[in-house]
Amino acid sequence: MPPISASKLPPELRRMVCDAADSREDLYSMALTCTSWSAPALDALWASLHYIRPLLTLATLLGWSEEDDTDSDESESSRSSTPQIDWTRFDSYANRVRTLRYSYFSGGNGNVDVYDVIGDLFRARQRPLLPLLREFRWEHVHSSSTLDVRLPGVLEAFTTGSLQAVSVSTSLMAEYEDIPRISDRILASRDIALGNWFATLPRRCPGLVNFSLGGYVPVFSLDFIREFQSLVVLDLGDLHMYNTGWVKARRLRSFAQLTQLKTFAVIAYIERPQDIAGAWSAFPILETLRTENTMPAVANEIVRRISSNRLKNFFYNLTEDPLDLYDVQLLFGSLARFSSSLTTLRIDIESISDPESPDGARFSEVISPLLVLPNIQELRISPFYQNPDDLPPYMAVDEDLERMARAWPALAELQLNVRVADGGVTFQSLVTLATCSPHLKSLYLYSMNVPETLNLRTAPQTSHRLEVLHLRSPTYRDAEEFAGALWRLFPGLQTEKMRDKFPSDVLESLEELAIGSRIGC
């Protein structure tokens, strides 16, 4: 079949070819090939931006470029002159941008500030700089106790009716000991202009389906959130407004209006859980719930309000140390009504206080309420912040992992990043998982003991397809013998993915076995 000229290919096919390009270098080459390939290649190159400076230089604003090395006096002089803007050139690329993700570092080096350039362009244009933008993610990194007064104007420059996803976050870049002082000042301040920008979003972006707000932000009203009638994702899981969090009882109830929500992340601070009690419900089609730094009793009340029968993912993170075992059991028990849909559990908490086991919480009591969830495919239990070695151990035994393996036949990923009391979990747990969890692909055990009296040569040969095994602090006698037993249990291990969290001597022996296995094939 003779080659077909690119000009004769349908435009849709040319776009598909460009979207499937392996690298930006390939797209550069296609853009330079001919006019037929230039447009779709440039569309693909400019569709997503992580750096905004190349776009701003296209307007040749004040002769500024990313490599501007002029001294500050000359730069300031040029800024005071009338801007010479090549809008035709600018628009030919700006109209291609669909996603903008950018992190701005306040006080960074450079003679011309990005915020100043954006402000000049927007004042000259008086309409959105990226008119077809769909996803807008802006991070403002600063080190002072006040936000940049230019931030609302910068956000305004990219606000357009085509937006479907908006994420705004602030980050502190300061010495660790200075962060509480700086954050307290920010949280106590007010920003009317920033609040006004957020308040108008529901009206100006009616198609918004994904909204995220995070970091330390000044005080402004959050009533606008309930006006997002089409919102599918609401991420407030990293938002700090006031020292104690911002989602109170009234605010939480107002979210009942968000009937299309499928993903919800939140920091909730409600002094009395009974304040949100009563016969009300929310989130009829929710699939993912993530509660951050929310006490178990409050998280339990939130879970109880969910009317959805589709909840698949539950994430719970808390730095409070320790938590009462009863409160944890109450929270986990509230998940039972999602037994037909729940597949993923990620529990990141520091430690649990068990009144009947002062030396460490009984792991069997922690997981017992979760064993009624038959469709679990992923379970992670890990400290949220601290090192497991700095926390009390869990009282766990091989029988606990056996109960988990038998309760969750579809288990594909298990991560127990917790320290277990000496001798509690042994090599027998690996044998159990190899025989009872056929779908397991990734396994992480922080603590495991190989008894000196155990004959590892008797480990059974299986065809299990476990790919990644992380053993952070195992105790064993002979590395080569241990590796041989592991290889018999899990002959599909991908050792290149296990380098960071595995004893090096055992890993070397496993790699030799893997090479020998490939040669044998």
Protein backbone atom coordinates (compact mmCIF):
# COMPACT_ATOMS: atom_id res chain seq x y z
CA MET A 1 0.00 0.00 0.00
CA PRO A 2 1.53 3.36 -1.00
CA PRO A 3 2.16 5.91 1.79
CA ILE A 4 -0.63 8.40 2.39
CA SER A 5 0.11 12.10 2.57
CA ALA A 6 -0.47 13.56 6.03
CA SER A 7 -2.72 16.22 4.52
CA LYS A 8 -5.12 13.48 3.39
CA LEU A 9 -5.48 11.95 6.85
CA PRO A 10 -8.61 12.93 8.80
CA PRO A 11 -7.84 15.61 11.44
CA GLU A 12 -9.18 13.30 14.17
CA LEU A 13 -6.66 10.62 13.20
CA ARG A 14 -3.79 13.10 13.26
CA ARG A 15 -4.82 14.20 16.75
CA MET A 16 -4.95 10.58 17.91
CA VAL A 17 -1.45 9.96 16.57
CA CYS A 18 -0.12 13.01 18.41
CA ASP A 19 -1.89 12.05 21.64
CA ALA A 20 -0.22 8.63 21.45
CA ALA A 21 3.29 10.04 20.95
CA ASP A 22 5.85 8.52 23.33
CA SER A 23 7.66 11.74 24.21
CA ARG A 24 7.63 15.49 23.84
CA GLU A 25 10.66 15.14 21.57
CA ASP A 26 8.51 13.16 19.14
CA LEU A 27 5.91 15.91 19.21
CA TYR A 28 8.58 18.55 18.56
CA SER A 29 9.69 16.61 15.49
CA MET A 30 6.12 16.22 14.24
CA ALA A 31 5.44 19.93 14.71
CA LEU A 32 8.40 20.72 12.47
CA THR A 33 7.57 18.12 9.81
CA CYS A 34 4.85 19.92 7.85
CA THR A 35 1.83 22.14 8.31
CA SER A 36 -0.51 19.13 8.41
CA TRP A 37 1.21 17.77 11.53
CA SER A 38 2.08 21.11 13.09
CA ALA A 39 -1.37 21.99 14.48
CA PRO A 40 -2.19 18.64 16.18
CA ALA A 41 1.37 18.33 17.52
CA LEU A 42 1.25 21.81 19.02
CA ASP A 43 -2.19 21.04 20.49
CA ALA A 44 -0.70 18.04 22.29
CA LEU A 45 2.41 19.95 23.41
CA TRP A 46 0.46 22.83 24.91
CA ALA A 47 -2.55 20.94 26.25
CA SER A 48 -1.01 20.64 29.73
CA LEU A 49 1.30 23.23 31.31
CA HIS A 50 3.35 22.81 34.48
CA TYR A 51 5.43 25.94 33.82
CA ILE A 52 3.72 29.18 32.93
CA ARG A 53 6.76 31.27 32.02
CA PRO A 54 7.10 29.88 28.44
CA LEU A 55 3.51 30.94 27.75
CA LEU A 56 3.98 34.43 29.18
CA THR A 57 7.07 35.05 27.08
CA LEU A 58 5.04 34.44 23.92
CA ALA A 59 3.33 37.78 24.40
CA THR A 60 6.80 39.40 24.30
CA LEU A 61 5.58 41.49 27.22
CA LEU A 62 8.19 44.17 27.99
CA GLY A 63 10.75 42.08 26.18
CA TRP A 64 10.83 39.76 29.19
CA SER A 65 12.01 36.19 28.81
CA GLU A 66 12.62 33.28 31.13
CA GLU A 67 16.37 33.90 30.88
CA ASP A 68 16.07 37.63 31.67
CA ASP A 69 19.35 38.61 33.30
CA THR A 70 19.01 42.39 33.15
CA ASP A 71 19.67 44.36 36.31
CA SER A 72 16.73 45.40 38.45
CA ASP A 73 16.89 49.11 37.55
CA GLU A 74 16.63 48.41 33.82
CA SER A 75 13.88 45.88 34.40
CA GLU A 76 11.88 48.34 36.48
CA SER A 77 12.32 51.03 33.86
CA SER A 78 11.02 48.76 31.13
CA ARG A 79 8.06 47.76 33.27
CA SER A 80 6.95 51.37 33.51
CA SER A 81 6.75 51.70 29.73
CA THR A 82 3.68 50.87 27.68
CA PRO A 83 3.42 47.08 27.23
CA GLN A 84 3.93 45.84 23.69
CA ILE A 85 1.90 42.65 23.50
CA ASP A 86 1.68 40.33 20.52
CA TRP A 87 -1.81 38.97 21.21
CA THR A 88 -2.01 36.99 17.96
CA ARG A 89 1.07 35.01 18.88
CA PHE A 90 -0.05 34.64 22.48
CA ASP A 91 -3.57 33.45 21.59
CA SER A 92 -2.35 30.86 19.09
CA TYR A 93 -0.84 28.96 22.02
CA ALA A 94 -3.02 30.08 24.94
CA ASN A 95 -6.14 28.72 23.22
CA ARG A 96 -4.54 25.26 23.19
CA VAL A 97 -4.05 25.04 26.97
CA ARG A 98 -6.54 22.78 28.75
CA THR A 99 -4.64 22.11 32.00
CA LEU A 100 -2.52 24.51 34.05
CA ARG A 101 -0.70 23.26 37.15
CA TYR A 102 1.71 25.69 38.68
CA SER A 103 3.52 26.30 41.97
CA TYR A 104 4.44 29.90 42.67
CA PHE A 105 7.24 30.60 45.15
CA SER A 106 6.77 34.00 46.75
CA GLY A 107 10.01 35.90 47.13
CA GLY A 108 11.84 33.71 44.62
CA ASN A 109 14.78 34.87 42.56
CA GLY A 110 14.22 36.76 39.32
CA ASN A 111 13.98 40.35 38.19
CA VAL A 112 10.45 40.08 36.85
CA ASP A 113 7.81 38.44 39.01
CA VAL A 114 5.34 36.04 37.38
CA TYR A 115 2.48 37.63 39.34
CA ASP A 116 3.38 41.06 37.91
CA VAL A 117 3.45 39.74 34.35
CA ILE A 118 0.10 37.97 34.78
CA GLY A 119 -1.38 41.15 36.24
CA ASP A 120 -0.14 43.28 33.33
CA LEU A 121 -1.48 40.84 30.76
CA PHE A 122 -4.87 40.57 32.44
CA ARG A 123 -5.27 44.34 32.81
CA ALA A 124 -4.43 44.75 29.13
CA ARG A 125 -6.79 41.95 28.02
CA GLN A 126 -9.68 42.28 30.50
CA ARG A 127 -10.74 38.69 29.90
CA PRO A 128 -9.40 35.22 30.83
CA LEU A 129 -5.89 34.57 29.58
CA LEU A 130 -6.62 30.89 28.89
CA PRO A 131 -10.22 30.92 27.61
CA LEU A 132 -10.54 27.15 27.05
CA LEU A 133 -8.92 26.06 30.32
CA ARG A 134 -10.55 23.00 31.93
CA GLU A 135 -8.26 22.16 34.86
CA PHE A 136 -6.65 24.85 37.02
CA ARG A 137 -4.36 23.91 39.92
CA TRP A 138 -2.47 26.72 41.63
CA GLU A 139 -0.16 26.39 44.63
CA HIS A 140 1.03 29.54 46.39
CA VAL A 141 4.20 28.88 48.39
CA HIS A 142 5.18 31.66 50.79
CA SER A 143 7.20 32.31 53.94
CA SER A 144 5.49 35.36 55.46
CA SER A 145 2.53 35.69 57.81
CA THR A 146 0.32 37.24 55.12
CA LEU A 147 -0.70 35.99 51.71
CA ASP A 148 0.32 37.96 48.64
CA VAL A 149 -2.31 40.63 47.95
CA ARG A 150 -1.92 39.88 44.22
CA LEU A 151 -3.15 36.29 44.58
CA PRO A 152 -6.90 37.03 44.01
CA GLY A 153 -6.06 38.96 40.83
CA VAL A 154 -3.91 36.12 39.53
CA LEU A 155 -6.69 33.60 40.16
CA GLU A 156 -9.11 35.95 38.42
CA ALA A 157 -6.90 35.98 35.31
CA PHE A 158 -7.50 32.26 34.77
CA THR A 159 -11.18 32.06 35.73
CA THR A 160 -13.26 30.97 32.76
CA GLY A 161 -16.60 29.27 32.23
CA SER A 162 -14.96 26.17 30.72
CA LEU A 163 -13.31 25.18 34.02
CA GLN A 164 -14.20 21.72 35.29
CA ALA A 165 -11.55 21.36 38.02
CA VAL A 166 -10.13 24.01 40.36
CA SER A 167 -7.51 23.47 43.06
CA VAL A 168 -6.06 26.29 45.14
CA SER A 169 -3.58 25.62 47.94
CA THR A 170 -1.11 27.55 50.04
CA SER A 171 2.10 26.15 51.49
CA LEU A 172 4.47 27.52 54.09
CA MET A 173 8.17 27.45 53.33
CA ALA A 174 9.78 28.35 56.64
CA GLU A 175 11.86 26.94 59.46
CA TYR A 176 9.96 24.25 61.33
CA GLU A 177 9.88 26.23 64.58
CA ASP A 178 8.47 29.30 62.79
CA ILE A 179 5.53 27.55 61.13
CA PRO A 180 3.12 27.69 64.15
CA ARG A 181 3.69 31.44 64.60
CA ILE A 182 3.27 32.23 60.90
CA SER A 183 0.27 29.96 60.44
CA ASP A 184 -1.52 31.43 63.48
CA ARG A 185 -1.24 34.92 62.01
CA ILE A 186 -2.59 33.78 58.66
CA LEU A 187 -5.49 31.93 60.25
CA ALA A 188 -6.42 35.01 62.31
CA SER A 189 -6.42 37.35 59.30
CA ARG A 190 -9.18 38.10 56.82
CA ASP A 191 -8.96 38.36 53.04
CA ILE A 192 -12.09 39.91 51.54
CA ALA A 193 -10.77 39.89 47.96
CA LEU A 194 -9.86 36.21 48.10
CA GLY A 195 -13.23 35.39 49.65
CA ASN A 196 -15.03 37.30 46.91
CA TRP A 197 -13.20 35.34 44.21
CA PHE A 198 -14.27 32.03 45.73
CA ALA A 199 -17.83 33.26 46.29
CA THR A 200 -18.34 33.89 42.57
CA LEU A 201 -16.98 30.53 41.37
CA PRO A 202 -20.31 28.61 41.34
CA ARG A 203 -21.89 31.27 39.12
CA ARG A 204 -18.95 31.73 36.76
CA CYS A 205 -17.96 28.05 36.52
CA PRO A 206 -21.29 26.19 36.41
CA GLY A 207 -19.67 23.05 34.99
CA LEU A 208 -17.19 22.63 37.85
CA VAL A 209 -17.06 18.99 39.00
CA ASN A 210 -13.81 18.95 41.00
CA PHE A 211 -12.93 21.48 43.71
CA SER A 212 -10.01 21.44 46.13
CA LEU A 213 -8.93 24.00 48.72
CA GLY A 214 -5.96 23.40 50.99
CA GLY A 215 -3.25 24.86 53.18
CA TYR A 216 -3.34 27.68 55.74
CA VAL A 217 -5.80 30.27 54.50
CA PRO A 218 -7.27 33.43 56.04
CA VAL A 219 -10.86 33.73 57.13
CA PHE A 220 -13.61 34.04 54.52
CA SER A 221 -17.05 32.51 54.07
CA LEU A 222 -17.27 28.99 52.68
CA ASP A 223 -21.01 29.10 51.98
CA PHE A 224 -20.27 29.06 48.25
CA ILE A 225 -19.35 25.36 48.35
CA ARG A 226 -22.95 24.21 48.72
CA GLU A 227 -23.83 26.05 45.51
CA PHE A 228 -21.76 23.67 43.35
CA GLN A 229 -24.69 21.60 42.15
CA SER A 230 -22.61 19.43 39.78
CA LEU A 231 -19.67 18.81 42.12
CA VAL A 232 -18.32 15.25 41.98
CA VAL A 233 -15.07 15.70 43.96
CA LEU A 234 -14.75 17.94 47.04
CA ASP A 235 -11.30 17.87 48.62
CA LEU A 236 -10.92 19.83 51.84
CA GLY A 237 -8.68 17.26 53.47
CA ASP A 238 -5.71 19.60 53.80
CA LEU A 239 -7.57 22.81 54.58
CA HIS A 240 -6.71 24.67 57.77
CA MET A 241 -9.01 27.55 58.58
CA TYR A 242 -8.84 28.41 62.27
CA ASN A 243 -6.49 26.46 64.51
CA THR A 244 -8.98 23.67 65.17
CA GLY A 245 -10.20 23.01 61.68
CA TRP A 246 -13.19 24.57 60.03
CA VAL A 247 -15.95 22.07 59.23
CA LYS A 248 -18.45 22.48 62.03
CA ALA A 249 -21.90 20.94 62.41
CA ARG A 250 -23.78 23.56 60.36
CA ARG A 251 -21.27 23.38 57.54
CA LEU A 252 -21.37 19.60 57.41
CA ARG A 253 -25.15 19.59 57.21
CA SER A 254 -25.04 22.05 54.31
CA PHE A 255 -23.09 19.51 52.25
CA ALA A 256 -26.23 17.39 52.09
CA GLN A 257 -27.14 19.54 49.07
CA LEU A 258 -24.19 18.12 47.11
CA THR A 259 -26.09 15.13 45.77
CA GLN A 260 -23.64 14.36 42.93
CA LEU A 261 -20.60 14.02 45.17
CA LYS A 262 -18.56 10.83 44.70
CA THR A 263 -15.35 11.80 46.55
CA PHE A 264 -15.26 13.77 49.81
CA ALA A 265 -12.17 14.64 51.88
CA VAL A 266 -12.45 16.73 55.03
CA ILE A 267 -10.98 17.87 58.32
CA ALA A 268 -13.95 18.04 60.69
CA TYR A 269 -13.83 19.63 64.13
CA ILE A 270 -17.05 19.18 66.04
CA GLU A 271 -16.68 19.42 69.80
CA ARG A 272 -19.82 17.41 70.48
CA PRO A 273 -20.58 14.62 67.98
CA GLN A 274 -24.23 14.79 69.02
CA ASP A 275 -24.39 18.19 67.30
CA ILE A 276 -24.58 16.38 63.96
CA ALA A 277 -26.81 13.60 65.21
CA GLY A 278 -30.40 13.24 64.09
CA ALA A 279 -32.36 11.87 61.17
CA TRP A 280 -30.51 13.46 58.27
CA SER A 281 -28.37 11.96 55.55
CA ALA A 282 -26.08 13.05 52.72
CA PHE A 283 -23.99 11.84 49.80
CA PRO A 284 -26.38 9.40 48.04
CA ILE A 285 -23.75 8.23 45.50
CA LEU A 286 -20.51 8.70 47.48
CA GLU A 287 -17.70 6.27 46.58
CA THR A 288 -14.68 7.63 48.49
CA LEU A 289 -14.50 9.20 51.97
CA ARG A 290 -11.28 10.57 53.42
CA THR A 291 -11.28 12.07 56.90
CA GLU A 292 -8.11 13.86 57.98
CA ASN A 293 -7.27 14.73 61.61
CA THR A 294 -10.84 14.05 62.65
CA MET A 295 -11.56 12.34 65.95
CA PRO A 296 -13.09 8.83 65.64
CA ALA A 297 -16.42 9.78 67.21
CA VAL A 298 -16.88 12.62 64.69
CA ALA A 299 -15.75 10.45 61.76
CA ASN A 300 -18.23 7.83 62.93
CA GLU A 301 -21.07 10.36 62.78
CA ILE A 302 -20.03 11.38 59.27
CA VAL A 303 -20.02 7.75 58.14
CA ARG A 304 -23.47 7.25 59.64
CA ARG A 305 -24.86 10.13 57.53
CA ILE A 306 -23.79 8.55 54.22
CA SER A 307 -26.85 7.30 52.34
CA SER A 308 -24.84 5.82 49.46
CA ASN A 309 -24.65 2.08 48.90
CA ARG A 310 -21.59 2.51 46.65
CA LEU A 311 -18.86 3.41 49.16
CA LYS A 312 -15.69 1.70 47.93
CA ASN A 313 -12.84 3.54 49.63
CA PHE A 314 -12.43 4.67 53.24
CA PHE A 315 -9.31 6.60 54.28
CA TYR A 316 -8.78 7.70 57.89
CA ASN A 317 -5.75 9.75 59.01
CA LEU A 318 -5.13 11.18 62.47
CA THR A 319 -2.05 12.40 64.35
CA GLU A 320 -3.72 12.16 67.78
CA ASP A 321 -1.80 9.79 70.06
CA PRO A 322 -3.08 7.47 71.40
CA LEU A 323 -6.66 6.64 70.40
CA ASP A 324 -8.96 4.65 72.63
CA LEU A 325 -9.59 1.12 71.33
CA TYR A 326 -13.33 1.44 71.91
CA ASP A 327 -13.56 4.58 69.74
CA VAL A 328 -11.62 2.88 66.94
CA GLN A 329 -13.85 -0.20 67.11
CA LEU A 330 -16.94 2.02 67.00
CA LEU A 331 -15.68 3.76 63.86
CA PHE A 332 -14.69 0.53 62.12
CA GLY A 333 -17.98 -1.07 63.12
CA SER A 334 -19.93 1.71 61.39
CA LEU A 335 -18.47 0.50 58.07
CA ALA A 336 -20.31 -2.82 58.28
CA ARG A 337 -23.32 -1.57 56.31
CA PHE A 338 -21.01 -1.04 53.31
CA SER A 339 -19.93 -4.69 53.31
CA SER A 340 -21.17 -5.25 49.76
CA SER A 341 -19.21 -2.34 48.24
CA LEU A 342 -16.18 -1.47 50.39
CA THR A 343 -12.89 -2.61 48.81
CA THR A 344 -10.16 -0.28 50.13
CA LEU A 345 -9.20 0.68 53.69
CA ARG A 346 -6.29 2.97 54.54
CA ILE A 347 -5.93 3.62 58.25
CA ASP A 348 -3.10 5.96 59.28
CA ILE A 349 -3.08 6.47 63.05
CA GLU A 350 -0.25 6.76 65.56
CA SER A 351 -1.20 4.27 68.25
CA ILE A 352 -4.14 2.72 70.09
CA SER A 353 -4.66 2.50 73.83
CA ASP A 354 -6.05 -0.88 74.91
CA PRO A 355 -7.07 -0.87 78.61
CA GLU A 356 -6.91 -4.67 78.78
CA SER A 357 -3.46 -4.88 77.20
CA PRO A 358 -1.13 -2.22 78.67
CA ASP A 359 1.92 -3.52 76.76
CA GLY A 360 0.30 -2.86 73.38
CA ALA A 361 -3.07 -2.95 71.66
CA ARG A 362 -4.44 -6.36 70.73
CA PHE A 363 -4.37 -6.49 66.96
CA SER A 364 -7.19 -9.02 66.94
CA GLU A 365 -9.48 -6.47 68.63
CA VAL A 366 -8.47 -3.72 66.21
CA ILE A 367 -9.28 -5.67 63.06
CA SER A 368 -12.25 -7.66 64.37
CA PRO A 369 -14.93 -5.14 63.19
CA LEU A 370 -13.35 -5.14 59.70
CA LEU A 371 -13.53 -8.90 59.16
CA VAL A 372 -17.22 -8.63 58.21
CA LEU A 373 -16.23 -6.77 55.02
CA PRO A 374 -15.78 -9.66 52.54
CA ASN A 375 -14.72 -7.65 49.48
CA ILE A 376 -11.61 -5.94 50.84
CA GLN A 377 -8.87 -5.80 48.20
CA GLU A 378 -6.51 -3.32 49.85
CA LEU A 379 -5.76 -2.76 53.53
CA ARG A 380 -3.17 -0.40 54.94
CA ILE A 381 -2.57 0.21 58.63
CA SER A 382 0.28 2.60 59.34
CA PRO A 383 1.30 5.47 61.62
CA PHE A 384 0.27 8.79 60.13
CA TYR A 385 3.39 10.65 61.19
CA GLN A 386 5.70 8.80 63.56
CA ASN A 387 8.17 5.96 63.08
CA PRO A 388 6.73 2.58 64.15
CA ASP A 389 9.82 1.99 66.31
CA ASP A 390 8.91 5.03 68.40
CA LEU A 391 5.41 3.73 69.16
CA PRO A 392 4.08 0.93 71.37
CA PRO A 393 3.96 -2.44 69.59
CA TYR A 394 0.80 -4.28 68.63
CA MET A 395 0.07 -7.63 70.23
CA ALA A 396 -0.33 -9.65 67.03
CA VAL A 397 0.11 -13.34 66.25
CA ASP A 398 0.03 -15.53 63.14
CA GLU A 399 -3.61 -16.38 63.77
CA ASP A 400 -4.55 -12.71 63.25
CA LEU A 401 -3.14 -12.70 59.72
CA GLU A 402 -4.80 -16.03 59.03
CA ARG A 403 -8.17 -14.55 60.00
CA MET A 404 -7.55 -11.64 57.64
CA ALA A 405 -6.53 -13.92 54.77
CA ARG A 406 -9.63 -16.07 55.16
CA ALA A 407 -11.99 -13.11 55.63
CA TRP A 408 -10.75 -11.30 52.52
CA PRO A 409 -10.28 -13.81 49.67
CA ALA A 410 -9.89 -11.00 47.09
CA LEU A 411 -7.06 -9.28 48.99
CA ALA A 412 -4.51 -7.84 46.53
CA GLU A 413 -2.51 -5.43 48.68
CA LEU A 414 -1.73 -5.71 52.40
CA GLN A 415 0.42 -3.19 54.24
CA LEU A 416 0.93 -3.54 57.99
CA ASN A 417 3.45 -0.82 58.72
CA VAL A 418 3.27 -1.39 62.47
CA ARG A 419 5.71 -2.85 64.96
CA VAL A 420 4.61 -6.18 66.36
CA ALA A 421 5.68 -7.53 69.75
CA ASP A 422 8.69 -9.85 69.51
CA GLY A 423 7.89 -13.28 68.15
CA GLY A 424 4.26 -12.47 67.42
CA VAL A 425 4.18 -12.74 63.63
CA THR A 426 6.42 -15.44 62.17
CA PHE A 427 7.30 -17.03 58.84
CA GLN A 428 4.13 -19.08 59.19
CA SER A 429 2.11 -15.97 58.24
CA LEU A 430 3.85 -15.87 54.86
CA VAL A 431 2.97 -19.53 54.31
CA THR A 432 -0.64 -18.77 55.20
CA LEU A 433 -0.87 -15.82 52.82
CA ALA A 434 0.75 -17.85 50.03
CA THR A 435 -1.93 -20.52 50.36
CA CYS A 436 -5.01 -18.46 51.34
CA SER A 437 -4.59 -15.18 49.41
CA PRO A 438 -4.18 -16.15 45.74
CA HIS A 439 -4.73 -12.60 44.44
CA LEU A 440 -2.14 -10.89 46.67
CA LYS A 441 0.23 -8.74 44.58
CA SER A 442 1.88 -6.52 47.19
CA LEU A 443 2.72 -7.36 50.82
CA TYR A 444 4.38 -5.11 53.40
CA LEU A 445 5.14 -6.38 56.91
CA TYR A 446 7.17 -4.17 59.20
CA SER A 447 7.90 -6.89 61.75
CA MET A 448 8.35 -10.62 61.22
CA ASN A 449 10.31 -13.33 63.01
CA VAL A 450 11.88 -16.48 61.56
CA PRO A 451 12.32 -18.85 64.52
CA GLU A 452 15.79 -20.39 64.73
CA THR A 453 14.22 -23.81 65.20
CA LEU A 454 12.27 -23.59 61.94
CA ASN A 455 13.56 -25.67 59.03
CA LEU A 456 13.08 -23.25 56.12
CA ARG A 457 13.86 -25.98 53.60
CA THR A 458 10.42 -27.41 54.30
CA ALA A 459 8.68 -24.27 53.00
CA PRO A 460 6.15 -25.35 50.36
CA GLN A 461 6.64 -24.70 46.66
CA THR A 462 3.77 -22.59 45.27
CA SER A 463 2.94 -20.77 42.05
CA HIS A 464 1.80 -17.63 43.87
CA ARG A 465 2.12 -14.44 41.81
CA LEU A 466 3.10 -12.01 44.57
CA GLU A 467 5.16 -9.27 42.89
CA VAL A 468 6.38 -7.07 45.73
CA LEU A 469 7.36 -8.14 49.26
CA HIS A 470 8.60 -5.58 51.78
CA LEU A 471 9.96 -6.84 55.10
CA ARG A 472 11.30 -3.83 56.95
CA SER A 473 12.67 -5.39 60.14
CA PRO A 474 12.60 -9.19 59.93
CA THR A 475 14.72 -11.37 62.21
CA TYR A 476 16.37 -14.40 60.60
CA ARG A 477 19.47 -16.57 60.97
CA ASP A 478 20.70 -17.30 57.44
CA ALA A 479 20.04 -14.87 54.57
CA GLU A 480 20.54 -17.40 51.78
CA GLU A 481 18.31 -19.98 53.41
CA PHE A 482 15.65 -17.35 54.11
CA ALA A 483 15.75 -16.17 50.49
CA GLY A 484 15.36 -19.73 49.22
CA ALA A 485 12.24 -20.23 51.33
CA LEU A 486 10.78 -16.92 50.12
CA TRP A 487 11.42 -17.85 46.50
CA ARG A 488 9.63 -21.18 46.90
CA LEU A 489 6.61 -19.37 48.33
CA PHE A 490 6.64 -16.45 45.89
CA PRO A 491 8.46 -17.29 42.62
CA GLY A 492 7.08 -14.20 40.89
CA LEU A 493 8.82 -11.60 43.08
CA GLN A 494 10.07 -8.54 41.19
CA THR A 495 13.20 -7.77 43.16
CA GLU A 496 13.85 -4.47 41.38
CA LYS A 497 10.80 -3.05 43.18
CA MET A 498 11.97 -4.21 46.62
CA ARG A 499 15.27 -2.37 47.10
CA ASP A 500 14.26 0.30 49.59
CA LYS A 501 12.46 -1.84 52.16
CA PHE A 502 14.20 -5.19 52.28
CA PRO A 503 17.41 -6.50 53.94
CA SER A 504 20.19 -6.20 51.37
CA ASP A 505 21.74 -9.63 52.04
CA VAL A 506 18.42 -11.42 51.53
CA LEU A 507 17.66 -9.31 48.47
CA GLU A 508 20.99 -10.25 46.86
CA SER A 509 20.20 -13.94 47.29
CA LEU A 510 16.71 -13.41 45.87
CA GLU A 511 18.15 -11.63 42.83
CA GLU A 512 20.48 -14.57 42.19
CA LEU A 513 17.53 -16.95 42.38
CA ALA A 514 15.53 -14.75 40.00
CA ILE A 515 18.40 -14.69 37.48
CA GLY A 516 18.77 -18.45 37.74
CA SER A 517 15.06 -18.90 37.19
CA ARG A 518 15.14 -16.78 34.02
CA ILE A 519 18.17 -18.67 32.70
CA GLY A 520 16.43 -21.96 33.39
CA CYS A 521 13.46 -20.86 31.32
